[in-house]
Amino acid sequence: MLSVESYDLGNLSRIIEMAWEDRTPFEALEREYGLNESSVIKLMRTNLQPSSFKLWRKRMVGRKTKHLKLRSADVTRAYCSRQYKRL
């Protein structure tokens, strides 16, 4: 597993974006970047302002879509259907 400090700015930005997304489970972050949930929390704490980190943690606690085991079978994609529309 890579250390949190070893990510370039582009990957770091994408990890933070994925962590904020409701439908992206922590397991996807682990599969893509080798970061387990506690590593993602550490990364977010280090790279967000304290108030933003608190908002993120408040939002993530208990969110069923962030863990595959708690996720409804109805959630089959990692993003909203209105996201990433092609023009």
PDB file of N, CA and C in Angstrom:
ATOM      1  N   MET A   1       0.849  -1.183   0.000  1.00  0.00           N
ATOM      2  CA  MET A   1       0.000   0.000   0.000  1.00  0.00           C
ATOM      3  C   MET A   1       0.891   1.242   0.000  1.00  0.00           C
ATOM      4  N   LEU A   2       0.564   2.181  -0.849  1.00  0.00           N
ATOM      5  CA  LEU A   2       1.319   3.426  -0.929  1.00  0.00           C
ATOM      6  C   LEU A   2       0.977   4.324   0.249  1.00  0.00           C
ATOM      7  N   SER A   3       1.920   5.133   0.646  1.00  0.00           N
ATOM      8  CA  SER A   3       1.637   6.082   1.717  1.00  0.00           C
ATOM      9  C   SER A   3       0.830   7.248   1.169  1.00  0.00           C
ATOM     10  N   VAL A   4       0.114   7.911   2.055  1.00  0.00           N
ATOM     11  CA  VAL A   4      -0.711   9.055   1.668  1.00  0.00           C
ATOM     12  C   VAL A   4       0.128  10.131   1.008  1.00  0.00           C
ATOM     13  N   GLU A   5       1.348  10.302   1.444  1.00  0.00           N
ATOM     14  CA  GLU A   5       2.220  11.350   0.939  1.00  0.00           C
ATOM     15  C   GLU A   5       2.716  11.075  -0.476  1.00  0.00           C
ATOM     16  N   SER A   6       2.553   9.859  -0.982  1.00  0.00           N
ATOM     17  CA  SER A   6       3.142   9.490  -2.268  1.00  0.00           C
ATOM     18  C   SER A   6       2.246   9.808  -3.472  1.00  0.00           C
ATOM     19  N   TYR A   7       1.097  10.418  -3.273  1.00  0.00           N
ATOM     20  CA  TYR A   7       0.189  10.719  -4.377  1.00  0.00           C
ATOM     21  C   TYR A   7       0.475  12.089  -4.976  1.00  0.00           C
ATOM     22  N   ASP A   8       0.453  12.154  -6.314  1.00  0.00           N
ATOM     23  CA  ASP A   8       0.631  13.446  -6.959  1.00  0.00           C
ATOM     24  C   ASP A   8      -0.654  14.262  -6.817  1.00  0.00           C
ATOM     25  N   LEU A   9      -0.580  15.522  -7.191  1.00  0.00           N
ATOM     26  CA  LEU A   9      -1.701  16.443  -6.996  1.00  0.00           C
ATOM     27  C   LEU A   9      -2.968  15.982  -7.730  1.00  0.00           C
ATOM     28  N   GLY A  10      -2.815  15.443  -8.933  1.00  0.00           N
ATOM     29  CA  GLY A  10      -3.969  14.963  -9.700  1.00  0.00           C
ATOM     30  C   GLY A  10      -4.663  13.792  -9.017  1.00  0.00           C
ATOM     31  N   ASN A  11      -3.878  12.812  -8.564  1.00  0.00           N
ATOM     32  CA  ASN A  11      -4.455  11.666  -7.863  1.00  0.00           C
ATOM     33  C   ASN A  11      -5.050  12.084  -6.530  1.00  0.00           C
ATOM     34  N   LEU A  12      -4.377  12.960  -5.834  1.00  0.00           N
ATOM     35  CA  LEU A  12      -4.879  13.448  -4.554  1.00  0.00           C
ATOM     36  C   LEU A  12      -6.228  14.133  -4.737  1.00  0.00           C
ATOM     37  N   SER A  13      -6.334  14.947  -5.749  1.00  0.00           N
ATOM     38  CA  SER A  13      -7.592  15.629  -6.045  1.00  0.00           C
ATOM     39  C   SER A  13      -8.700  14.622  -6.356  1.00  0.00           C
ATOM     40  N   ARG A  14      -8.376  13.593  -7.136  1.00  0.00           N
ATOM     41  CA  ARG A  14      -9.372  12.577  -7.496  1.00  0.00           C
ATOM     42  C   ARG A  14      -9.790  11.760  -6.275  1.00  0.00           C
ATOM     43  N   ILE A  15      -8.856  11.438  -5.404  1.00  0.00           N
ATOM     44  CA  ILE A  15      -9.188  10.693  -4.189  1.00  0.00           C
ATOM     45  C   ILE A  15     -10.153  11.509  -3.327  1.00  0.00           C
ATOM     46  N   ILE A  16      -9.865  12.790  -3.158  1.00  0.00           N
ATOM     47  CA  ILE A  16     -10.738  13.659  -2.361  1.00  0.00           C
ATOM     48  C   ILE A  16     -12.117  13.754  -3.007  1.00  0.00           C
ATOM     49  N   GLU A  17     -12.150  13.890  -4.314  1.00  0.00           N
ATOM     50  CA  GLU A  17     -13.432  13.942  -5.028  1.00  0.00           C
ATOM     51  C   GLU A  17     -14.223  12.654  -4.821  1.00  0.00           C
ATOM     52  N   MET A  18     -13.568  11.505  -4.953  1.00  0.00           N
ATOM     53  CA  MET A  18     -14.244  10.226  -4.773  1.00  0.00           C
ATOM     54  C   MET A  18     -14.735  10.056  -3.330  1.00  0.00           C
ATOM     55  N   ALA A  19     -13.944  10.534  -2.375  1.00  0.00           N
ATOM     56  CA  ALA A  19     -14.342  10.425  -0.969  1.00  0.00           C
ATOM     57  C   ALA A  19     -15.586  11.265  -0.685  1.00  0.00           C
ATOM     58  N   TRP A  20     -15.735  12.408  -1.347  1.00  0.00           N
ATOM     59  CA  TRP A  20     -16.908  13.274  -1.159  1.00  0.00           C
ATOM     60  C   TRP A  20     -18.162  12.690  -1.810  1.00  0.00           C
ATOM     61  N   GLU A  21     -17.992  11.918  -2.891  1.00  0.00           N
ATOM     62  CA  GLU A  21     -19.140  11.382  -3.608  1.00  0.00           C
ATOM     63  C   GLU A  21     -19.890  10.363  -2.756  1.00  0.00           C
ATOM     64  N   ASP A  22     -21.196  10.532  -2.678  1.00  0.00           N
ATOM     65  CA  ASP A  22     -22.013   9.629  -1.870  1.00  0.00           C
ATOM     66  C   ASP A  22     -21.989   8.191  -2.373  1.00  0.00           C
ATOM     67  N   ARG A  23     -21.968   7.998  -3.663  1.00  0.00           N
ATOM     68  CA  ARG A  23     -22.102   6.664  -4.227  1.00  0.00           C
ATOM     69  C   ARG A  23     -20.781   5.936  -4.431  1.00  0.00           C
ATOM     70  N   THR A  24     -19.685   6.565  -4.153  1.00  0.00           N
ATOM     71  CA  THR A  24     -18.387   5.903  -4.300  1.00  0.00           C
ATOM     72  C   THR A  24     -18.014   5.252  -2.968  1.00  0.00           C
ATOM     73  N   PRO A  25     -18.022   3.923  -2.915  1.00  0.00           N
ATOM     74  CA  PRO A  25     -17.715   3.243  -1.650  1.00  0.00           C
ATOM     75  C   PRO A  25     -16.221   3.314  -1.312  1.00  0.00           C
ATOM     76  N   PHE A  26     -15.932   3.172  -0.040  1.00  0.00           N
ATOM     77  CA  PHE A  26     -14.536   3.161   0.394  1.00  0.00           C
ATOM     78  C   PHE A  26     -13.781   2.000  -0.267  1.00  0.00           C
ATOM     79  N   GLU A  27     -14.472   0.918  -0.557  1.00  0.00           N
ATOM     80  CA  GLU A  27     -13.838  -0.230  -1.208  1.00  0.00           C
ATOM     81  C   GLU A  27     -13.310   0.144  -2.595  1.00  0.00           C
ATOM     82  N   ALA A  28     -13.983   1.058  -3.287  1.00  0.00           N
ATOM     83  CA  ALA A  28     -13.500   1.513  -4.601  1.00  0.00           C
ATOM     84  C   ALA A  28     -12.203   2.303  -4.441  1.00  0.00           C
ATOM     85  N   LEU A  29     -12.119   3.109  -3.405  1.00  0.00           N
ATOM     86  CA  LEU A  29     -10.884   3.855  -3.142  1.00  0.00           C
ATOM     87  C   LEU A  29      -9.745   2.905  -2.799  1.00  0.00           C
ATOM     88  N   GLU A  30     -10.072   1.845  -2.078  1.00  0.00           N
ATOM     89  CA  GLU A  30      -9.039   0.876  -1.738  1.00  0.00           C
ATOM     90  C   GLU A  30      -8.582   0.118  -2.990  1.00  0.00           C
ATOM     91  N   ARG A  31      -9.514  -0.244  -3.828  1.00  0.00           N
ATOM     92  CA  ARG A  31      -9.191  -0.962  -5.061  1.00  0.00           C
ATOM     93  C   ARG A  31      -8.375  -0.074  -6.020  1.00  0.00           C
ATOM     94  N   GLU A  32      -8.762   1.180  -6.173  1.00  0.00           N
ATOM     95  CA  GLU A  32      -8.108   2.093  -7.108  1.00  0.00           C
ATOM     96  C   GLU A  32      -6.758   2.614  -6.612  1.00  0.00           C
ATOM     97  N   TYR A  33      -6.712   2.966  -5.311  1.00  0.00           N
ATOM     98  CA  TYR A  33      -5.535   3.672  -4.787  1.00  0.00           C
ATOM     99  C   TYR A  33      -4.853   2.981  -3.606  1.00  0.00           C
ATOM    100  N   GLY A  34      -5.393   1.847  -3.163  1.00  0.00           N
ATOM    101  CA  GLY A  34      -4.773   1.132  -2.056  1.00  0.00           C
ATOM    102  C   GLY A  34      -4.983   1.780  -0.703  1.00  0.00           C
ATOM    103  N   LEU A  35      -6.003   2.635  -0.579  1.00  0.00           N
ATOM    104  CA  LEU A  35      -6.278   3.335   0.677  1.00  0.00           C
ATOM    105  C   LEU A  35      -7.512   2.740   1.347  1.00  0.00           C
ATOM    106  N   ASN A  36      -7.341   2.198   2.548  1.00  0.00           N
ATOM    107  CA  ASN A  36      -8.505   1.716   3.281  1.00  0.00           C
ATOM    108  C   ASN A  36      -9.229   2.903   3.918  1.00  0.00           C
ATOM    109  N   GLU A  37     -10.335   2.636   4.570  1.00  0.00           N
ATOM    110  CA  GLU A  37     -11.151   3.727   5.115  1.00  0.00           C
ATOM    111  C   GLU A  37     -10.365   4.617   6.073  1.00  0.00           C
ATOM    112  N   SER A  38      -9.586   4.030   6.951  1.00  0.00           N
ATOM    113  CA  SER A  38      -8.838   4.853   7.913  1.00  0.00           C
ATOM    114  C   SER A  38      -7.781   5.707   7.215  1.00  0.00           C
ATOM    115  N   SER A  39      -7.201   5.192   6.137  1.00  0.00           N
ATOM    116  CA  SER A  39      -6.232   5.985   5.364  1.00  0.00           C
ATOM    117  C   SER A  39      -6.911   7.140   4.640  1.00  0.00           C
ATOM    118  N   VAL A  40      -8.125   6.900   4.140  1.00  0.00           N
ATOM    119  CA  VAL A  40      -8.883   7.971   3.485  1.00  0.00           C
ATOM    120  C   VAL A  40      -9.207   9.061   4.497  1.00  0.00           C
ATOM    121  N   ILE A  41      -9.601   8.665   5.701  1.00  0.00           N
ATOM    122  CA  ILE A  41      -9.906   9.636   6.757  1.00  0.00           C
ATOM    123  C   ILE A  41      -8.663  10.463   7.076  1.00  0.00           C
ATOM    124  N   LYS A  42      -7.518   9.795   7.183  1.00  0.00           N
ATOM    125  CA  LYS A  42      -6.258  10.501   7.462  1.00  0.00           C
ATOM    126  C   LYS A  42      -5.935  11.485   6.332  1.00  0.00           C
ATOM    127  N   LEU A  43      -6.091  11.026   5.086  1.00  0.00           N
ATOM    128  CA  LEU A  43      -5.828  11.880   3.932  1.00  0.00           C
ATOM    129  C   LEU A  43      -6.750  13.099   3.936  1.00  0.00           C
ATOM    130  N   MET A  44      -8.023  12.877   4.212  1.00  0.00           N
ATOM    131  CA  MET A  44      -8.985  13.986   4.231  1.00  0.00           C
ATOM    132  C   MET A  44      -8.654  14.963   5.360  1.00  0.00           C
ATOM    133  N   ARG A  45      -8.307  14.446   6.521  1.00  0.00           N
ATOM    134  CA  ARG A  45      -7.967  15.313   7.664  1.00  0.00           C
ATOM    135  C   ARG A  45      -6.751  16.178   7.338  1.00  0.00           C
ATOM    136  N   THR A  46      -5.790  15.592   6.635  1.00  0.00           N
ATOM    137  CA  THR A  46      -4.550  16.294   6.304  1.00  0.00           C
ATOM    138  C   THR A  46      -4.740  17.343   5.208  1.00  0.00           C
ATOM    139  N   ASN A  47      -5.626  17.061   4.249  1.00  0.00           N
ATOM    140  CA  ASN A  47      -5.712  17.897   3.055  1.00  0.00           C
ATOM    141  C   ASN A  47      -6.919  18.816   2.985  1.00  0.00           C
ATOM    142  N   LEU A  48      -7.830  18.727   3.929  1.00  0.00           N
ATOM    143  CA  LEU A  48      -8.978  19.631   3.971  1.00  0.00           C
ATOM    144  C   LEU A  48      -8.826  20.613   5.117  1.00  0.00           C
ATOM    145  N   GLN A  49      -9.494  21.731   4.999  1.00  0.00           N
ATOM    146  CA  GLN A  49      -9.553  22.653   6.125  1.00  0.00           C
ATOM    147  C   GLN A  49     -10.338  21.964   7.244  1.00  0.00           C
ATOM    148  N   PRO A  50     -10.054  22.290   8.505  1.00  0.00           N
ATOM    149  CA  PRO A  50     -10.746  21.626   9.609  1.00  0.00           C
ATOM    150  C   PRO A  50     -12.277  21.650   9.493  1.00  0.00           C
ATOM    151  N   SER A  51     -12.854  22.774   9.079  1.00  0.00           N
ATOM    152  CA  SER A  51     -14.310  22.854   8.966  1.00  0.00           C
ATOM    153  C   SER A  51     -14.826  21.947   7.839  1.00  0.00           C
ATOM    154  N   SER A  52     -14.085  21.853   6.742  1.00  0.00           N
ATOM    155  CA  SER A  52     -14.475  20.974   5.636  1.00  0.00           C
ATOM    156  C   SER A  52     -14.362  19.512   6.045  1.00  0.00           C
ATOM    157  N   PHE A  53     -13.316  19.176   6.787  1.00  0.00           N
ATOM    158  CA  PHE A  53     -13.162  17.805   7.262  1.00  0.00           C
ATOM    159  C   PHE A  53     -14.328  17.425   8.178  1.00  0.00           C
ATOM    160  N   LYS A  54     -14.699  18.318   9.079  1.00  0.00           N
ATOM    161  CA  LYS A  54     -15.816  18.042   9.990  1.00  0.00           C
ATOM    162  C   LYS A  54     -17.117  17.839   9.225  1.00  0.00           C
ATOM    163  N   LEU A  55     -17.351  18.658   8.204  1.00  0.00           N
ATOM    164  CA  LEU A  55     -18.551  18.494   7.364  1.00  0.00           C
ATOM    165  C   LEU A  55     -18.531  17.147   6.651  1.00  0.00           C
ATOM    166  N   TRP A  56     -17.382  16.769   6.116  1.00  0.00           N
ATOM    167  CA  TRP A  56     -17.255  15.501   5.417  1.00  0.00           C
ATOM    168  C   TRP A  56     -17.508  14.321   6.354  1.00  0.00           C
ATOM    169  N   ARG A  57     -16.888  14.357   7.537  1.00  0.00           N
ATOM    170  CA  ARG A  57     -17.071  13.260   8.503  1.00  0.00           C
ATOM    171  C   ARG A  57     -18.532  13.165   8.930  1.00  0.00           C
ATOM    172  N   LYS A  58     -19.158  14.292   9.186  1.00  0.00           N
ATOM    173  CA  LYS A  58     -20.564  14.288   9.582  1.00  0.00           C
ATOM    174  C   LYS A  58     -21.414  13.666   8.476  1.00  0.00           C
ATOM    175  N   ARG A  59     -21.086  13.967   7.236  1.00  0.00           N
ATOM    176  CA  ARG A  59     -21.829  13.445   6.096  1.00  0.00           C
ATOM    177  C   ARG A  59     -21.591  11.939   5.901  1.00  0.00           C
ATOM    178  N   MET A  60     -20.377  11.482   6.134  1.00  0.00           N
ATOM    179  CA  MET A  60     -20.034  10.084   5.865  1.00  0.00           C
ATOM    180  C   MET A  60     -20.475   9.108   6.954  1.00  0.00           C
ATOM    181  N   VAL A  61     -20.559   9.557   8.179  1.00  0.00           N
ATOM    182  CA  VAL A  61     -20.906   8.654   9.276  1.00  0.00           C
ATOM    183  C   VAL A  61     -22.309   8.093   9.052  1.00  0.00           C
ATOM    184  N   GLY A  62     -22.383   6.801   8.961  1.00  0.00           N
ATOM    185  CA  GLY A  62     -23.665   6.140   8.797  1.00  0.00           C
ATOM    186  C   GLY A  62     -24.207   6.120   7.384  1.00  0.00           C
ATOM    187  N   ARG A  63     -23.471   6.653   6.428  1.00  0.00           N
ATOM    188  CA  ARG A  63     -23.937   6.670   5.036  1.00  0.00           C
ATOM    189  C   ARG A  63     -23.766   5.278   4.446  1.00  0.00           C
ATOM    190  N   LYS A  64     -24.863   4.633   4.152  1.00  0.00           N
ATOM    191  CA  LYS A  64     -24.836   3.243   3.695  1.00  0.00           C
ATOM    192  C   LYS A  64     -24.177   3.062   2.339  1.00  0.00           C
ATOM    193  N   THR A  65     -24.231   4.066   1.477  1.00  0.00           N
ATOM    194  CA  THR A  65     -23.648   3.912   0.145  1.00  0.00           C
ATOM    195  C   THR A  65     -22.125   3.952   0.158  1.00  0.00           C
ATOM    196  N   LYS A  66     -21.505   4.311   1.271  1.00  0.00           N
ATOM    197  CA  LYS A  66     -20.046   4.374   1.332  1.00  0.00           C
ATOM    198  C   LYS A  66     -19.424   3.024   1.692  1.00  0.00           C
ATOM    199  N   HIS A  67     -20.247   2.019   1.993  1.00  0.00           N
ATOM    200  CA  HIS A  67     -19.757   0.683   2.323  1.00  0.00           C
ATOM    201  C   HIS A  67     -20.547  -0.339   1.517  1.00  0.00           C
ATOM    202  N   LEU A  68     -19.852  -1.156   0.745  1.00  0.00           N
ATOM    203  CA  LEU A  68     -20.537  -2.126  -0.106  1.00  0.00           C
ATOM    204  C   LEU A  68     -21.413  -3.087   0.693  1.00  0.00           C
ATOM    205  N   LYS A  69     -20.985  -3.482   1.884  1.00  0.00           N
ATOM    206  CA  LYS A  69     -21.764  -4.429   2.689  1.00  0.00           C
ATOM    207  C   LYS A  69     -23.085  -3.840   3.164  1.00  0.00           C
ATOM    208  N   LEU A  70     -23.136  -2.519   3.346  1.00  0.00           N
ATOM    209  CA  LEU A  70     -24.356  -1.862   3.819  1.00  0.00           C
ATOM    210  C   LEU A  70     -25.226  -1.358   2.676  1.00  0.00           C
ATOM    211  N   ARG A  71     -24.685  -1.368   1.499  1.00  0.00           N
ATOM    212  CA  ARG A  71     -25.317  -0.766   0.330  1.00  0.00           C
ATOM    213  C   ARG A  71     -26.495  -1.592  -0.188  1.00  0.00           C
ATOM    214  N   SER A  72     -27.525  -0.910  -0.590  1.00  0.00           N
ATOM    215  CA  SER A  72     -28.681  -1.548  -1.199  1.00  0.00           C
ATOM    216  C   SER A  72     -28.290  -2.134  -2.551  1.00  0.00           C
ATOM    217  N   ALA A  73     -28.895  -3.227  -2.914  1.00  0.00           N
ATOM    218  CA  ALA A  73     -28.633  -3.838  -4.223  1.00  0.00           C
ATOM    219  C   ALA A  73     -29.124  -2.942  -5.358  1.00  0.00           C
ATOM    220  N   ASP A  74     -29.986  -1.973  -5.045  1.00  0.00           N
ATOM    221  CA  ASP A  74     -30.498  -1.044  -6.051  1.00  0.00           C
ATOM    222  C   ASP A  74     -29.432  -0.068  -6.533  1.00  0.00           C
ATOM    223  N   VAL A  75     -28.389   0.140  -5.748  1.00  0.00           N
ATOM    224  CA  VAL A  75     -27.321   1.071  -6.122  1.00  0.00           C
ATOM    225  C   VAL A  75     -26.295   0.277  -6.919  1.00  0.00           C
ATOM    226  N   THR A  76     -26.337   0.460  -8.226  1.00  0.00           N
ATOM    227  CA  THR A  76     -25.474  -0.348  -9.092  1.00  0.00           C
ATOM    228  C   THR A  76     -24.353   0.443  -9.741  1.00  0.00           C
ATOM    229  N   ARG A  77     -24.307   1.743  -9.520  1.00  0.00           N
ATOM    230  CA  ARG A  77     -23.252   2.549 -10.133  1.00  0.00           C
ATOM    231  C   ARG A  77     -22.633   3.450  -9.069  1.00  0.00           C
ATOM    232  N   ALA A  78     -21.468   4.000  -9.403  1.00  0.00           N
ATOM    233  CA  ALA A  78     -20.721   4.802  -8.442  1.00  0.00           C
ATOM    234  C   ALA A  78     -20.992   6.289  -8.574  1.00  0.00           C
ATOM    235  N   TYR A  79     -21.919   6.675  -9.432  1.00  0.00           N
ATOM    236  CA  TYR A  79     -22.202   8.096  -9.596  1.00  0.00           C
ATOM    237  C   TYR A  79     -23.667   8.286  -9.964  1.00  0.00           C
ATOM    238  N   CYS A  80     -24.133   9.473  -9.804  1.00  0.00           N
ATOM    239  CA  CYS A  80     -25.514   9.835 -10.110  1.00  0.00           C
ATOM    240  C   CYS A  80     -25.755   9.742 -11.613  1.00  0.00           C
ATOM    241  N   SER A  81     -26.962   9.371 -12.009  1.00  0.00           N
ATOM    242  CA  SER A  81     -27.276   9.235 -13.436  1.00  0.00           C
ATOM    243  C   SER A  81     -27.165  10.558 -14.185  1.00  0.00           C
ATOM    244  N   ARG A  82     -27.245  11.675 -13.473  1.00  0.00           N
ATOM    245  CA  ARG A  82     -27.146  12.990 -14.106  1.00  0.00           C
ATOM    246  C   ARG A  82     -25.705  13.488 -14.171  1.00  0.00           C
ATOM    247  N   GLN A  83     -24.792  12.754 -13.611  1.00  0.00           N
ATOM    248  CA  GLN A  83     -23.387  13.134 -13.588  1.00  0.00           C
ATOM    249  C   GLN A  83     -22.686  12.573 -14.825  1.00  0.00           C
ATOM    250  N   TYR A  84     -21.699  13.268 -15.323  1.00  0.00           N
ATOM    251  CA  TYR A  84     -20.878  12.829 -16.446  1.00  0.00           C
ATOM    252  C   TYR A  84     -21.683  12.660 -17.738  1.00  0.00           C
ATOM    253  N   LYS A  85     -22.599  13.553 -17.996  1.00  0.00           N
ATOM    254  CA  LYS A  85     -23.365  13.491 -19.255  1.00  0.00           C
ATOM    255  C   LYS A  85     -22.467  13.856 -20.412  1.00  0.00           C
ATOM    256  N   ARG A  86     -22.638  13.160 -21.492  1.00  0.00           N
ATOM    257  CA  ARG A  86     -21.876  13.450 -22.711  1.00  0.00           C
ATOM    258  C   ARG A  86     -22.655  14.466 -23.535  1.00  0.00           C
ATOM    259  N   LEU A  87     -21.941  15.415 -24.092  1.00  0.00           N
ATOM    260  CA  LEU A  87     -22.582  16.449 -24.920  1.00  0.00           C
ATOM    261  C   LEU A  87     -22.515  16.097 -26.383  1.00  0.00           C
TER     262      LEU A  87
END
